[in-house]
Amino acid sequence: MKNNEKLYPPQSISYEKESHFINRALKTLYVKGSEIELSKARLLLYHICRLVLKDGLELLGIEALKRI
């Protein structure tokens, strides 16, 4: 990278969209009451999404909340 190039956080928009999709999934893709394999897959999806959002926020200098 050259010294005169500026760094911009274009990923911040992507993380905003991703958090919106995760929120929609949480409201529609239930874990409780689903078949065990489906529940495991959904829990894994939510866990991975949480990690991705946490890492993205840390890149932007924001500390992610552990609990609300």
C-alpha atoms as a PDB file:
ATOM      1  CA  MET A   1       0.000   0.000   0.000  1.00  0.00           C
ATOM      2  CA  LYS A   2       1.304   3.437  -0.885  1.00  0.00           C
ATOM      3  CA  ASN A   3       1.629   6.127   1.753  1.00  0.00           C
ATOM      4  CA  ASN A   4      -0.823   8.447   0.008  1.00  0.00           C
ATOM      5  CA  GLU A   5      -3.648   5.879  -0.121  1.00  0.00           C
ATOM      6  CA  LYS A   6      -6.431   6.437   2.377  1.00  0.00           C
ATOM      7  CA  LEU A   7      -8.128   3.673   4.306  1.00  0.00           C
ATOM      8  CA  TYR A   8     -11.920   3.690   4.397  1.00  0.00           C
ATOM      9  CA  PRO A   9     -14.195   1.296   6.284  1.00  0.00           C
ATOM     10  CA  PRO A  10     -16.448   0.087   3.444  1.00  0.00           C
ATOM     11  CA  GLN A  11     -17.118  -3.051   5.476  1.00  0.00           C
ATOM     12  CA  SER A  12     -19.122  -1.062   8.021  1.00  0.00           C
ATOM     13  CA  ILE A  13     -22.040  -0.920   5.591  1.00  0.00           C
ATOM     14  CA  SER A  14     -21.750  -4.655   5.032  1.00  0.00           C
ATOM     15  CA  TYR A  15     -21.829  -5.306   8.787  1.00  0.00           C
ATOM     16  CA  GLU A  16     -24.926  -3.154   9.128  1.00  0.00           C
ATOM     17  CA  LYS A  17     -26.709  -5.202   6.461  1.00  0.00           C
ATOM     18  CA  GLU A  18     -25.487  -8.437   8.008  1.00  0.00           C
ATOM     19  CA  SER A  19     -26.794  -7.474  11.433  1.00  0.00           C
ATOM     20  CA  HIS A  20     -30.179  -6.700   9.859  1.00  0.00           C
ATOM     21  CA  PHE A  21     -30.318 -10.159   8.247  1.00  0.00           C
ATOM     22  CA  ILE A  22     -29.276 -11.842  11.497  1.00  0.00           C
ATOM     23  CA  ASN A  23     -31.990  -9.979  13.361  1.00  0.00           C
ATOM     24  CA  ARG A  24     -34.586 -11.145  10.820  1.00  0.00           C
ATOM     25  CA  ALA A  25     -33.313 -14.721  11.113  1.00  0.00           C
ATOM     26  CA  LEU A  26     -33.571 -14.625  14.900  1.00  0.00           C
ATOM     27  CA  LYS A  27     -37.210 -13.591  14.613  1.00  0.00           C
ATOM     28  CA  THR A  28     -38.155 -16.292  12.091  1.00  0.00           C
ATOM     29  CA  LEU A  29     -35.738 -19.234  12.480  1.00  0.00           C
ATOM     30  CA  TYR A  30     -36.518 -20.633  15.904  1.00  0.00           C
ATOM     31  CA  VAL A  31     -34.192 -22.979  17.726  1.00  0.00           C
ATOM     32  CA  LYS A  32     -36.564 -24.054  20.479  1.00  0.00           C
ATOM     33  CA  GLY A  33     -39.140 -26.561  19.253  1.00  0.00           C
ATOM     34  CA  SER A  34     -37.221 -27.413  16.059  1.00  0.00           C
ATOM     35  CA  GLU A  35     -35.729 -30.794  15.207  1.00  0.00           C
ATOM     36  CA  ILE A  36     -32.419 -31.404  16.973  1.00  0.00           C
ATOM     37  CA  GLU A  37     -30.237 -31.273  13.835  1.00  0.00           C
ATOM     38  CA  LEU A  38     -31.963 -28.128  12.611  1.00  0.00           C
ATOM     39  CA  SER A  39     -31.549 -26.536  16.049  1.00  0.00           C
ATOM     40  CA  LYS A  40     -27.835 -27.352  16.051  1.00  0.00           C
ATOM     41  CA  ALA A  41     -27.403 -25.828  12.596  1.00  0.00           C
ATOM     42  CA  ARG A  42     -29.241 -22.653  13.591  1.00  0.00           C
ATOM     43  CA  LEU A  43     -27.245 -22.303  16.801  1.00  0.00           C
ATOM     44  CA  LEU A  44     -24.034 -22.668  14.812  1.00  0.00           C
ATOM     45  CA  LEU A  45     -25.250 -20.034  12.337  1.00  0.00           C
ATOM     46  CA  TYR A  46     -25.988 -17.578  15.154  1.00  0.00           C
ATOM     47  CA  HIS A  47     -22.677 -18.300  16.869  1.00  0.00           C
ATOM     48  CA  ILE A  48     -20.667 -17.703  13.684  1.00  0.00           C
ATOM     49  CA  CYS A  49     -22.599 -14.510  12.927  1.00  0.00           C
ATOM     50  CA  ARG A  50     -21.909 -13.243  16.432  1.00  0.00           C
ATOM     51  CA  LEU A  51     -18.189 -13.828  15.968  1.00  0.00           C
ATOM     52  CA  VAL A  52     -18.131 -12.104  12.574  1.00  0.00           C
ATOM     53  CA  LEU A  53     -19.976  -9.062  13.892  1.00  0.00           C
ATOM     54  CA  LYS A  54     -17.724  -8.926  16.969  1.00  0.00           C
ATOM     55  CA  ASP A  55     -14.590  -9.006  14.814  1.00  0.00           C
ATOM     56  CA  GLY A  56     -15.999  -6.357  12.475  1.00  0.00           C
ATOM     57  CA  LEU A  57     -16.815  -4.036  15.344  1.00  0.00           C
ATOM     58  CA  GLU A  58     -13.354  -4.515  16.808  1.00  0.00           C
ATOM     59  CA  LEU A  59     -11.821  -3.548  13.462  1.00  0.00           C
ATOM     60  CA  LEU A  60     -13.786  -0.321  13.674  1.00  0.00           C
ATOM     61  CA  GLY A  61     -12.593   0.238  17.253  1.00  0.00           C
ATOM     62  CA  ILE A  62     -15.918  -0.603  18.895  1.00  0.00           C
ATOM     63  CA  GLU A  63     -16.162  -3.103  21.736  1.00  0.00           C
ATOM     64  CA  ALA A  64     -19.004  -5.581  21.233  1.00  0.00           C
ATOM     65  CA  LEU A  65     -21.416  -6.179  24.094  1.00  0.00           C
ATOM     66  CA  LYS A  66     -21.407  -9.642  25.623  1.00  0.00           C
ATOM     67  CA  ARG A  67     -24.950  -9.357  26.972  1.00  0.00           C
ATOM     68  CA  ILE A  68     -27.770  -6.882  26.713  1.00  0.00           C
END
